[in-house]
Amino acid sequence: MGVMIEPKPLKARGTIAIVAPAGPLDSETIFKGEEFFSKLGYNVLIAPSCFEHTGYLAGESDYHRAEDIMMVFADDEVDAILSMRGGYGSNRLIPYFNDFKFSQYPKPFIGYSDICYLHIYFNQQHNLITYHGPMIKDLLDEDETTNTHFFNTLVGKNQFEILDVPYFNKNLSLTSGQIIGGNLSIICSTLGTPYEIDTRDKILFLEEVNEPLYGIDRMLMQLIYGGKLHEAKGIVLGDFNVFERQENEKLLKTMLSNLEKPIAYNVPSGHCRPIFTLPLGAQVTLNPQHNSIAFGRLSHN
């Protein structure tokens, strides 16, 4: 990644576009999301593919979902872009983007889970900082921390610190780098493709949901064999929303501690409540001795 481009802050009474990169969502929830933003004084544009679906995918086709995303990026009236949900399908959009210059339209793009594929693509291919954060259903839950952190980040308050963060080894020195990553399963699905995640000298963020212990083990081994964990300067483990939480934490500590680099864990971002909105592609500093993670602010390109 070269010099990263920070999104322009969401302005008061700006327009938020809702897009459907992956799975479908019922119309009632979409309209509740529209009402949620409208009550806060924002204009809302809902992309057509949000109201269409073909089996487990939103939209009439991959092309239509991709076209909607390019449309709202290029629309000068749109100030931020929210993915309506995850599921599956983001990886199918990349071929349709072709030579579209996303870097010319630096605006907040938000989502998590399957949307991780697009985060990696925008971060690495277009040098855009994007936001790993809540989607429609998460915001409708009206968790105060989730929603406050979401809007603070979107309006440009990107310099913040997360305190009381546990580390596997508190005695290591601090380290800084660009944070990249997201959902563990999706990250593994990029390996061996033209869009493979590049973790060299980066801070790797990982989160997951509904995976058995052996599934987490298998995917971590894939990243180890692929050199992705060794090449990273540090690791941030978000929420692993699994049934065997204590056993999962033991597994993570056993498999990762011998990397001898700062590894933060139980960071509230992912399939959890609350959800912190994290700027992927931004500079972060891991400080094990102070139990903190500091997110720095990059200047506009």
C-alpha atoms as a PDB file:
ATOM      1  CA  MET A   1       0.000   0.000   0.000  1.00  0.00           C
ATOM      2  CA  GLY A   2       1.181   3.514  -0.808  1.00  0.00           C
ATOM      3  CA  VAL A   3       0.082   6.738   0.830  1.00  0.00           C
ATOM      4  CA  MET A   4      -3.353   6.090   2.252  1.00  0.00           C
ATOM      5  CA  ILE A   5      -6.305   8.332   1.440  1.00  0.00           C
ATOM      6  CA  GLU A   6      -8.541   9.263   4.339  1.00  0.00           C
ATOM      7  CA  PRO A   7     -12.278   9.587   3.621  1.00  0.00           C
ATOM      8  CA  LYS A   8     -13.830  13.013   3.735  1.00  0.00           C
ATOM      9  CA  PRO A   9     -15.832  13.343   6.968  1.00  0.00           C
ATOM     10  CA  LEU A  10     -19.575  12.826   6.845  1.00  0.00           C
ATOM     11  CA  LYS A  11     -21.114  16.279   7.000  1.00  0.00           C
ATOM     12  CA  ALA A  12     -24.187  17.291   8.957  1.00  0.00           C
ATOM     13  CA  ARG A  13     -27.382  16.569   7.009  1.00  0.00           C
ATOM     14  CA  GLY A  14     -25.284  14.729   4.454  1.00  0.00           C
ATOM     15  CA  THR A  15     -26.417  11.787   2.358  1.00  0.00           C
ATOM     16  CA  ILE A  16     -25.794   8.191   3.384  1.00  0.00           C
ATOM     17  CA  ALA A  17     -26.121   5.575   0.638  1.00  0.00           C
ATOM     18  CA  ILE A  18     -27.064   2.004   1.556  1.00  0.00           C
ATOM     19  CA  VAL A  19     -25.639  -0.664  -0.744  1.00  0.00           C
ATOM     20  CA  ALA A  20     -25.882  -4.455  -0.971  1.00  0.00           C
ATOM     21  CA  PRO A  21     -22.448  -5.988  -1.659  1.00  0.00           C
ATOM     22  CA  ALA A  22     -23.358  -9.448  -0.396  1.00  0.00           C
ATOM     23  CA  GLY A  23     -26.482 -11.120   0.994  1.00  0.00           C
ATOM     24  CA  PRO A  24     -30.105  -9.906   0.918  1.00  0.00           C
ATOM     25  CA  LEU A  25     -32.050  -8.211   3.701  1.00  0.00           C
ATOM     26  CA  ASP A  26     -35.800  -7.883   4.146  1.00  0.00           C
ATOM     27  CA  SER A  27     -37.345  -4.606   2.978  1.00  0.00           C
ATOM     28  CA  GLU A  28     -38.859  -3.840   6.380  1.00  0.00           C
ATOM     29  CA  THR A  29     -35.422  -3.716   8.014  1.00  0.00           C
ATOM     30  CA  ILE A  30     -34.040  -1.600   5.183  1.00  0.00           C
ATOM     31  CA  PHE A  31     -36.830   0.949   5.627  1.00  0.00           C
ATOM     32  CA  LYS A  32     -36.250   0.953   9.398  1.00  0.00           C
ATOM     33  CA  GLY A  33     -32.617   1.788   8.641  1.00  0.00           C
ATOM     34  CA  GLU A  34     -33.709   4.622   6.372  1.00  0.00           C
ATOM     35  CA  GLU A  35     -35.979   5.969   9.118  1.00  0.00           C
ATOM     36  CA  PHE A  36     -33.149   5.674  11.668  1.00  0.00           C
ATOM     37  CA  PHE A  37     -30.832   7.917   9.640  1.00  0.00           C
ATOM     38  CA  SER A  38     -33.615  10.289   8.610  1.00  0.00           C
ATOM     39  CA  LYS A  39     -34.509  10.976  12.247  1.00  0.00           C
ATOM     40  CA  LEU A  40     -30.892  11.984  12.817  1.00  0.00           C
ATOM     41  CA  GLY A  41     -31.117  14.529  10.025  1.00  0.00           C
ATOM     42  CA  TYR A  42     -29.376  12.604   7.250  1.00  0.00           C
ATOM     43  CA  ASN A  43     -30.616  12.062   3.726  1.00  0.00           C
ATOM     44  CA  VAL A  44     -30.724   8.425   2.651  1.00  0.00           C
ATOM     45  CA  LEU A  45     -30.222   6.879  -0.785  1.00  0.00           C
ATOM     46  CA  ILE A  46     -31.004   3.174  -1.072  1.00  0.00           C
ATOM     47  CA  ALA A  47     -29.360   1.406  -4.009  1.00  0.00           C
ATOM     48  CA  PRO A  48     -31.828  -0.576  -6.184  1.00  0.00           C
ATOM     49  CA  SER A  49     -30.094  -3.915  -5.605  1.00  0.00           C
ATOM     50  CA  CYS A  50     -30.970  -3.681  -1.889  1.00  0.00           C
ATOM     51  CA  PHE A  51     -34.552  -4.604  -2.807  1.00  0.00           C
ATOM     52  CA  GLU A  52     -33.689  -7.482  -5.115  1.00  0.00           C
ATOM     53  CA  HIS A  53     -32.257 -10.900  -4.461  1.00  0.00           C
ATOM     54  CA  THR A  54     -31.288 -14.096  -6.224  1.00  0.00           C
ATOM     55  CA  GLY A  55     -31.087 -16.924  -3.720  1.00  0.00           C
ATOM     56  CA  TYR A  56     -28.424 -16.152  -1.137  1.00  0.00           C
ATOM     57  CA  LEU A  57     -27.240 -13.047  -3.012  1.00  0.00           C
ATOM     58  CA  ALA A  58     -28.717  -9.560  -3.074  1.00  0.00           C
ATOM     59  CA  GLY A  59     -29.466  -7.891  -6.405  1.00  0.00           C
ATOM     60  CA  GLU A  60     -30.475  -9.289  -9.754  1.00  0.00           C
ATOM     61  CA  SER A  61     -26.817 -10.108 -10.494  1.00  0.00           C
ATOM     62  CA  ASP A  62     -23.253  -9.509  -9.351  1.00  0.00           C
ATOM     63  CA  TYR A  63     -23.009  -6.815 -12.012  1.00  0.00           C
ATOM     64  CA  HIS A  64     -25.952  -4.865 -10.600  1.00  0.00           C
ATOM     65  CA  ARG A  65     -24.539  -4.933  -7.070  1.00  0.00           C
ATOM     66  CA  ALA A  66     -21.160  -3.760  -8.351  1.00  0.00           C
ATOM     67  CA  GLU A  67     -22.789  -1.094 -10.529  1.00  0.00           C
ATOM     68  CA  ASP A  68     -24.680   0.315  -7.544  1.00  0.00           C
ATOM     69  CA  ILE A  69     -21.464   0.596  -5.529  1.00  0.00           C
ATOM     70  CA  MET A  70     -19.647   2.432  -8.316  1.00  0.00           C
ATOM     71  CA  MET A  71     -22.683   4.673  -8.790  1.00  0.00           C
ATOM     72  CA  VAL A  72     -22.761   5.877  -5.191  1.00  0.00           C
ATOM     73  CA  PHE A  73     -18.993   6.328  -5.011  1.00  0.00           C
ATOM     74  CA  ALA A  74     -19.123   8.566  -8.095  1.00  0.00           C
ATOM     75  CA  ASP A  75     -22.233  10.466  -6.937  1.00  0.00           C
ATOM     76  CA  ASP A  76     -21.112  13.845  -5.555  1.00  0.00           C
ATOM     77  CA  GLU A  77     -24.320  14.020  -3.515  1.00  0.00           C
ATOM     78  CA  VAL A  78     -23.401  10.883  -1.543  1.00  0.00           C
ATOM     79  CA  ASP A  79     -21.231  11.494   1.532  1.00  0.00           C
ATOM     80  CA  ALA A  80     -20.954   7.992   3.044  1.00  0.00           C
ATOM     81  CA  ILE A  81     -21.669   4.421   1.965  1.00  0.00           C
ATOM     82  CA  LEU A  82     -23.067   1.789   4.334  1.00  0.00           C
ATOM     83  CA  SER A  83     -23.209  -1.911   3.513  1.00  0.00           C
ATOM     84  CA  MET A  84     -26.650  -3.189   4.500  1.00  0.00           C
ATOM     85  CA  ARG A  85     -25.394  -6.639   5.598  1.00  0.00           C
ATOM     86  CA  GLY A  86     -22.728  -9.303   5.132  1.00  0.00           C
ATOM     87  CA  GLY A  87     -23.454 -12.920   4.330  1.00  0.00           C
ATOM     88  CA  TYR A  88     -21.675 -13.830   1.112  1.00  0.00           C
ATOM     89  CA  GLY A  89     -21.007 -12.277  -2.279  1.00  0.00           C
ATOM     90  CA  SER A  90     -18.544  -9.387  -1.938  1.00  0.00           C
ATOM     91  CA  ASN A  91     -15.761 -11.326  -3.659  1.00  0.00           C
ATOM     92  CA  ARG A  92     -17.923 -11.748  -6.768  1.00  0.00           C
ATOM     93  CA  LEU A  93     -17.973  -7.995  -7.432  1.00  0.00           C
ATOM     94  CA  ILE A  94     -14.278  -7.321  -8.021  1.00  0.00           C
ATOM     95  CA  PRO A  95     -14.127  -8.216 -11.765  1.00  0.00           C
ATOM     96  CA  TYR A  96     -16.835  -5.652 -12.535  1.00  0.00           C
ATOM     97  CA  PHE A  97     -14.900  -2.774 -11.008  1.00  0.00           C
ATOM     98  CA  ASN A  98     -12.327  -2.939 -13.811  1.00  0.00           C
ATOM     99  CA  ASP A  99     -10.628   0.470 -14.097  1.00  0.00           C
ATOM    100  CA  PHE A 100     -13.018   2.395 -11.854  1.00  0.00           C
ATOM    101  CA  LYS A 101     -10.936   4.885  -9.835  1.00  0.00           C
ATOM    102  CA  PHE A 102     -12.292   4.526  -6.308  1.00  0.00           C
ATOM    103  CA  SER A 103      -9.413   6.656  -5.029  1.00  0.00           C
ATOM    104  CA  GLN A 104     -10.944   9.674  -6.751  1.00  0.00           C
ATOM    105  CA  TYR A 105     -13.971   9.465  -4.456  1.00  0.00           C
ATOM    106  CA  PRO A 106     -12.677   9.250  -0.864  1.00  0.00           C
ATOM    107  CA  LYS A 107     -15.797   8.823   1.215  1.00  0.00           C
ATOM    108  CA  PRO A 108     -16.543   6.567   4.188  1.00  0.00           C
ATOM    109  CA  PHE A 109     -17.315   2.959   3.254  1.00  0.00           C
ATOM    110  CA  ILE A 110     -18.555   0.851   6.162  1.00  0.00           C
ATOM    111  CA  GLY A 111     -19.273  -2.808   6.873  1.00  0.00           C
ATOM    112  CA  TYR A 112     -17.805  -5.990   8.331  1.00  0.00           C
ATOM    113  CA  SER A 113     -17.938  -9.769   8.014  1.00  0.00           C
ATOM    114  CA  ASP A 114     -18.139 -10.657   4.279  1.00  0.00           C
ATOM    115  CA  ILE A 115     -17.530  -6.965   3.485  1.00  0.00           C
ATOM    116  CA  CYS A 116     -13.939  -7.604   4.611  1.00  0.00           C
ATOM    117  CA  TYR A 117     -13.154  -8.705   1.046  1.00  0.00           C
ATOM    118  CA  LEU A 118     -13.951  -5.209  -0.200  1.00  0.00           C
ATOM    119  CA  HIS A 119     -12.013  -3.590   2.644  1.00  0.00           C
ATOM    120  CA  ILE A 120      -8.883  -5.478   1.601  1.00  0.00           C
ATOM    121  CA  TYR A 121      -9.501  -4.603  -2.049  1.00  0.00           C
ATOM    122  CA  PHE A 122     -10.044  -0.887  -1.386  1.00  0.00           C
ATOM    123  CA  ASN A 123      -7.115  -0.706   1.051  1.00  0.00           C
ATOM    124  CA  GLN A 124      -4.592  -2.481  -1.167  1.00  0.00           C
ATOM    125  CA  GLN A 125      -5.714  -1.684  -4.702  1.00  0.00           C
ATOM    126  CA  HIS A 126      -6.942   1.897  -4.217  1.00  0.00           C
ATOM    127  CA  ASN A 127      -5.161   3.070  -1.042  1.00  0.00           C
ATOM    128  CA  LEU A 128      -8.487   4.002   0.530  1.00  0.00           C
ATOM    129  CA  ILE A 129      -9.011   3.924   4.278  1.00  0.00           C
ATOM    130  CA  THR A 130     -12.302   2.142   4.965  1.00  0.00           C
ATOM    131  CA  TYR A 131     -14.284   1.439   8.128  1.00  0.00           C
ATOM    132  CA  HIS A 132     -14.791  -1.924   9.773  1.00  0.00           C
ATOM    133  CA  GLY A 133     -18.034  -1.094  11.543  1.00  0.00           C
ATOM    134  CA  PRO A 134     -21.726  -1.773  12.130  1.00  0.00           C
ATOM    135  CA  MET A 135     -24.402  -2.260   9.474  1.00  0.00           C
ATOM    136  CA  ILE A 136     -28.167  -1.701   9.514  1.00  0.00           C
ATOM    137  CA  LYS A 137     -29.275  -4.311  12.070  1.00  0.00           C
ATOM    138  CA  ASP A 138     -26.398  -3.424  14.384  1.00  0.00           C
ATOM    139  CA  LEU A 139     -27.306   0.274  14.385  1.00  0.00           C
ATOM    140  CA  LEU A 140     -30.999  -0.482  14.891  1.00  0.00           C
ATOM    141  CA  ASP A 141     -30.132  -2.264  18.146  1.00  0.00           C
ATOM    142  CA  GLU A 142     -29.335   1.236  19.434  1.00  0.00           C
ATOM    143  CA  ASP A 143     -26.368   0.194  21.518  1.00  0.00           C
ATOM    144  CA  GLU A 144     -25.057   3.555  22.719  1.00  0.00           C
ATOM    145  CA  THR A 145     -21.349   2.725  22.459  1.00  0.00           C
ATOM    146  CA  THR A 146     -21.721   1.163  19.004  1.00  0.00           C
ATOM    147  CA  ASN A 147     -23.688   4.068  17.561  1.00  0.00           C
ATOM    148  CA  THR A 148     -21.671   6.840  19.196  1.00  0.00           C
ATOM    149  CA  HIS A 149     -18.373   5.373  18.044  1.00  0.00           C
ATOM    150  CA  PHE A 150     -19.805   4.836  14.543  1.00  0.00           C
ATOM    151  CA  PHE A 151     -20.888   8.440  14.051  1.00  0.00           C
ATOM    152  CA  ASN A 152     -17.822   9.908  15.749  1.00  0.00           C
ATOM    153  CA  THR A 153     -15.572   8.020  13.351  1.00  0.00           C
ATOM    154  CA  LEU A 154     -17.590   8.934  10.265  1.00  0.00           C
ATOM    155  CA  VAL A 155     -17.564  12.655  11.033  1.00  0.00           C
ATOM    156  CA  GLY A 156     -13.772  12.627  11.198  1.00  0.00           C
ATOM    157  CA  LYS A 157     -12.901  11.877  14.819  1.00  0.00           C
ATOM    158  CA  ASN A 158     -10.444   9.201  13.753  1.00  0.00           C
ATOM    159  CA  GLN A 159      -7.802   9.854  16.375  1.00  0.00           C
ATOM    160  CA  PHE A 160      -8.793   7.796  19.384  1.00  0.00           C
ATOM    161  CA  GLU A 161      -7.391   5.347  21.864  1.00  0.00           C
ATOM    162  CA  ILE A 162      -8.794   2.076  23.170  1.00  0.00           C
ATOM    163  CA  LEU A 163      -7.735   1.553  26.789  1.00  0.00           C
ATOM    164  CA  ASP A 164      -7.607  -1.479  29.081  1.00  0.00           C
ATOM    165  CA  VAL A 165      -6.789  -3.725  26.153  1.00  0.00           C
ATOM    166  CA  PRO A 166      -5.370  -7.125  27.206  1.00  0.00           C
ATOM    167  CA  TYR A 167      -2.213  -8.422  25.506  1.00  0.00           C
ATOM    168  CA  PHE A 168      -0.821 -11.937  25.481  1.00  0.00           C
ATOM    169  CA  ASN A 169       2.591 -10.531  26.451  1.00  0.00           C
ATOM    170  CA  LYS A 170       2.627  -7.189  28.286  1.00  0.00           C
ATOM    171  CA  ASN A 171       6.423  -6.982  28.302  1.00  0.00           C
ATOM    172  CA  LEU A 172       6.901  -6.327  24.587  1.00  0.00           C
ATOM    173  CA  SER A 173       7.699  -2.874  23.216  1.00  0.00           C
ATOM    174  CA  LEU A 174       5.125  -0.839  21.329  1.00  0.00           C
ATOM    175  CA  THR A 175       4.885  -1.116  17.563  1.00  0.00           C
ATOM    176  CA  SER A 176       3.115   0.915  14.867  1.00  0.00           C
ATOM    177  CA  GLY A 177       1.837   0.237  11.370  1.00  0.00           C
ATOM    178  CA  GLN A 178      -1.175   0.255   9.095  1.00  0.00           C
ATOM    179  CA  ILE A 179      -4.014  -1.921  10.290  1.00  0.00           C
ATOM    180  CA  ILE A 180      -5.549  -4.253   7.731  1.00  0.00           C
ATOM    181  CA  GLY A 181      -7.758  -7.330   7.852  1.00  0.00           C
ATOM    182  CA  GLY A 182     -11.168  -8.281   9.186  1.00  0.00           C
ATOM    183  CA  ASN A 183     -12.987 -11.604   9.161  1.00  0.00           C
ATOM    184  CA  LEU A 184     -10.674 -14.607   9.469  1.00  0.00           C
ATOM    185  CA  SER A 185     -12.609 -16.798   7.008  1.00  0.00           C
ATOM    186  CA  ILE A 186     -12.718 -14.067   4.380  1.00  0.00           C
ATOM    187  CA  ILE A 187      -9.018 -13.273   4.804  1.00  0.00           C
ATOM    188  CA  CYS A 188      -8.192 -16.941   4.200  1.00  0.00           C
ATOM    189  CA  SER A 189     -10.370 -16.897   1.069  1.00  0.00           C
ATOM    190  CA  THR A 190      -8.140 -14.200  -0.455  1.00  0.00           C
ATOM    191  CA  LEU A 191      -5.038 -16.396  -0.323  1.00  0.00           C
ATOM    192  CA  GLY A 192      -3.822 -17.542  -3.707  1.00  0.00           C
ATOM    193  CA  THR A 193      -5.881 -14.907  -5.527  1.00  0.00           C
ATOM    194  CA  PRO A 194      -4.828 -11.579  -7.114  1.00  0.00           C
ATOM    195  CA  TYR A 195      -6.439  -9.913  -4.071  1.00  0.00           C
ATOM    196  CA  GLU A 196      -4.464 -11.797  -1.435  1.00  0.00           C
ATOM    197  CA  ILE A 197      -4.005  -9.863   1.781  1.00  0.00           C
ATOM    198  CA  ASP A 198      -0.542  -8.343   2.227  1.00  0.00           C
ATOM    199  CA  THR A 199       0.445  -8.315   5.907  1.00  0.00           C
ATOM    200  CA  ARG A 200       4.086  -7.274   5.523  1.00  0.00           C
ATOM    201  CA  ASP A 201       4.898  -4.717   8.234  1.00  0.00           C
ATOM    202  CA  LYS A 202       1.172  -4.292   8.919  1.00  0.00           C
ATOM    203  CA  ILE A 203      -0.973  -4.693  12.013  1.00  0.00           C
ATOM    204  CA  LEU A 204      -3.305  -7.606  11.238  1.00  0.00           C
ATOM    205  CA  PHE A 205      -6.850  -7.426  12.597  1.00  0.00           C
ATOM    206  CA  LEU A 206      -8.810 -10.686  12.921  1.00  0.00           C
ATOM    207  CA  GLU A 207     -12.375 -11.488  14.037  1.00  0.00           C
ATOM    208  CA  GLU A 208     -14.707 -14.435  13.524  1.00  0.00           C
ATOM    209  CA  VAL A 209     -18.159 -15.831  14.315  1.00  0.00           C
ATOM    210  CA  ASN A 210     -19.796 -19.248  14.704  1.00  0.00           C
ATOM    211  CA  GLU A 211     -16.704 -21.316  13.968  1.00  0.00           C
ATOM    212  CA  PRO A 212     -15.772 -24.455  15.941  1.00  0.00           C
ATOM    213  CA  LEU A 213     -12.370 -24.560  17.607  1.00  0.00           C
ATOM    214  CA  TYR A 214     -10.938 -26.798  14.905  1.00  0.00           C
ATOM    215  CA  GLY A 215     -12.124 -24.321  12.278  1.00  0.00           C
ATOM    216  CA  ILE A 216     -10.248 -21.469  13.971  1.00  0.00           C
ATOM    217  CA  ASP A 217      -7.215 -23.743  14.313  1.00  0.00           C
ATOM    218  CA  ARG A 218      -7.334 -24.705  10.628  1.00  0.00           C
ATOM    219  CA  MET A 219      -7.584 -21.114   9.384  1.00  0.00           C
ATOM    220  CA  LEU A 220      -4.822 -19.860  11.681  1.00  0.00           C
ATOM    221  CA  MET A 221      -2.591 -22.676  10.432  1.00  0.00           C
ATOM    222  CA  GLN A 222      -3.314 -21.567   6.876  1.00  0.00           C
ATOM    223  CA  LEU A 223      -2.172 -18.036   7.745  1.00  0.00           C
ATOM    224  CA  ILE A 224       0.895 -19.404   9.527  1.00  0.00           C
ATOM    225  CA  TYR A 225       1.897 -21.611   6.593  1.00  0.00           C
ATOM    226  CA  GLY A 226       1.277 -18.675   4.255  1.00  0.00           C
ATOM    227  CA  GLY A 227       3.611 -16.476   6.304  1.00  0.00           C
ATOM    228  CA  LYS A 228       0.865 -13.941   6.965  1.00  0.00           C
ATOM    229  CA  LEU A 229       1.193 -13.947  10.752  1.00  0.00           C
ATOM    230  CA  HIS A 230       4.989 -13.890  10.761  1.00  0.00           C
ATOM    231  CA  GLU A 231       5.122 -10.977   8.311  1.00  0.00           C
ATOM    232  CA  ALA A 232       2.809  -8.798  10.402  1.00  0.00           C
ATOM    233  CA  LYS A 233       4.307  -6.384  12.954  1.00  0.00           C
ATOM    234  CA  GLY A 234       1.487  -7.015  15.387  1.00  0.00           C
ATOM    235  CA  ILE A 235      -1.969  -8.577  15.669  1.00  0.00           C
ATOM    236  CA  VAL A 236      -5.282  -7.272  16.965  1.00  0.00           C
ATOM    237  CA  LEU A 237      -7.840  -9.948  17.794  1.00  0.00           C
ATOM    238  CA  GLY A 238     -11.393  -8.659  17.707  1.00  0.00           C
ATOM    239  CA  ASP A 239     -14.383 -10.558  18.996  1.00  0.00           C
ATOM    240  CA  PHE A 240     -14.513 -14.299  18.298  1.00  0.00           C
ATOM    241  CA  ASN A 241     -18.241 -14.905  18.721  1.00  0.00           C
ATOM    242  CA  VAL A 242     -18.037 -18.651  19.323  1.00  0.00           C
ATOM    243  CA  PHE A 243     -19.703 -20.974  21.819  1.00  0.00           C
ATOM    244  CA  GLU A 244     -16.461 -22.093  23.460  1.00  0.00           C
ATOM    245  CA  ARG A 245     -15.129 -18.625  24.249  1.00  0.00           C
ATOM    246  CA  GLN A 246     -12.678 -19.608  27.006  1.00  0.00           C
ATOM    247  CA  GLU A 247     -11.321 -22.535  25.030  1.00  0.00           C
ATOM    248  CA  ASN A 248     -11.043 -20.317  21.968  1.00  0.00           C
ATOM    249  CA  GLU A 249      -9.017 -17.749  23.912  1.00  0.00           C
ATOM    250  CA  LYS A 250      -6.684 -20.519  25.092  1.00  0.00           C
ATOM    251  CA  LEU A 251      -6.305 -21.750  21.516  1.00  0.00           C
ATOM    252  CA  LEU A 252      -5.466 -18.270  20.224  1.00  0.00           C
ATOM    253  CA  LYS A 253      -2.920 -17.714  22.973  1.00  0.00           C
ATOM    254  CA  THR A 254      -1.296 -21.111  22.422  1.00  0.00           C
ATOM    255  CA  MET A 255      -1.047 -20.697  18.640  1.00  0.00           C
ATOM    256  CA  LEU A 256      -0.006 -17.041  18.512  1.00  0.00           C
ATOM    257  CA  SER A 257       2.075 -16.253  21.595  1.00  0.00           C
ATOM    258  CA  ASN A 258       5.252 -17.762  20.165  1.00  0.00           C
ATOM    259  CA  LEU A 259       5.207 -15.159  17.366  1.00  0.00           C
ATOM    260  CA  GLU A 260       6.903 -12.785  19.834  1.00  0.00           C
ATOM    261  CA  LYS A 261       5.084  -9.677  18.669  1.00  0.00           C
ATOM    262  CA  PRO A 262       2.392  -7.537  20.318  1.00  0.00           C
ATOM    263  CA  ILE A 263      -0.950  -9.339  20.194  1.00  0.00           C
ATOM    264  CA  ALA A 264      -3.996  -7.553  21.596  1.00  0.00           C
ATOM    265  CA  TYR A 265      -7.181  -9.540  22.157  1.00  0.00           C
ATOM    266  CA  ASN A 266     -10.847  -9.128  23.092  1.00  0.00           C
ATOM    267  CA  VAL A 267     -11.066  -5.852  21.177  1.00  0.00           C
ATOM    268  CA  PRO A 268     -14.807  -5.090  20.743  1.00  0.00           C
ATOM    269  CA  SER A 269     -15.132  -5.155  16.982  1.00  0.00           C
ATOM    270  CA  GLY A 270     -16.814  -7.817  14.876  1.00  0.00           C
ATOM    271  CA  HIS A 271     -19.965  -9.863  15.447  1.00  0.00           C
ATOM    272  CA  CYS A 272     -20.494  -8.476  18.941  1.00  0.00           C
ATOM    273  CA  ARG A 273     -21.929  -5.705  21.103  1.00  0.00           C
ATOM    274  CA  PRO A 274     -20.658  -3.093  21.360  1.00  0.00           C
ATOM    275  CA  ILE A 275     -18.952  -2.727  17.978  1.00  0.00           C
ATOM    276  CA  PHE A 276     -16.077  -0.269  17.712  1.00  0.00           C
ATOM    277  CA  THR A 277     -15.635   1.237  14.237  1.00  0.00           C
ATOM    278  CA  LEU A 278     -12.021   0.725  13.137  1.00  0.00           C
ATOM    279  CA  PRO A 279     -10.362   2.649  10.268  1.00  0.00           C
ATOM    280  CA  LEU A 280      -8.699  -0.058   8.174  1.00  0.00           C
ATOM    281  CA  GLY A 281      -5.600   1.218   6.394  1.00  0.00           C
ATOM    282  CA  ALA A 282      -4.938   3.843   9.070  1.00  0.00           C
ATOM    283  CA  GLN A 283      -1.892   4.010  11.318  1.00  0.00           C
ATOM    284  CA  VAL A 284      -2.223   2.348  14.713  1.00  0.00           C
ATOM    285  CA  THR A 285       0.140   1.882  17.642  1.00  0.00           C
ATOM    286  CA  LEU A 286      -0.002  -1.201  19.836  1.00  0.00           C
ATOM    287  CA  ASN A 287       1.306  -0.539  23.345  1.00  0.00           C
ATOM    288  CA  PRO A 288       1.317  -3.726  25.444  1.00  0.00           C
ATOM    289  CA  GLN A 289       2.917  -2.068  28.464  1.00  0.00           C
ATOM    290  CA  HIS A 290       0.146   0.529  28.632  1.00  0.00           C
ATOM    291  CA  ASN A 291      -2.623  -1.893  27.586  1.00  0.00           C
ATOM    292  CA  SER A 292      -3.719   0.432  24.805  1.00  0.00           C
ATOM    293  CA  ILE A 293      -4.240   0.752  21.056  1.00  0.00           C
ATOM    294  CA  ALA A 294      -3.934   4.242  19.571  1.00  0.00           C
ATOM    295  CA  PHE A 295      -5.429   5.079  16.196  1.00  0.00           C
ATOM    296  CA  GLY A 296      -3.604   7.995  14.567  1.00  0.00           C
ATOM    297  CA  ARG A 297      -5.052  10.470  12.125  1.00  0.00           C
ATOM    298  CA  LEU A 298      -3.652  10.623   8.599  1.00  0.00           C
ATOM    299  CA  SER A 299      -3.790  13.820   6.591  1.00  0.00           C
ATOM    300  CA  HIS A 300      -5.920  14.009   3.454  1.00  0.00           C
ATOM    301  CA  ASN A 301      -4.238  13.050   0.199  1.00  0.00           C
END
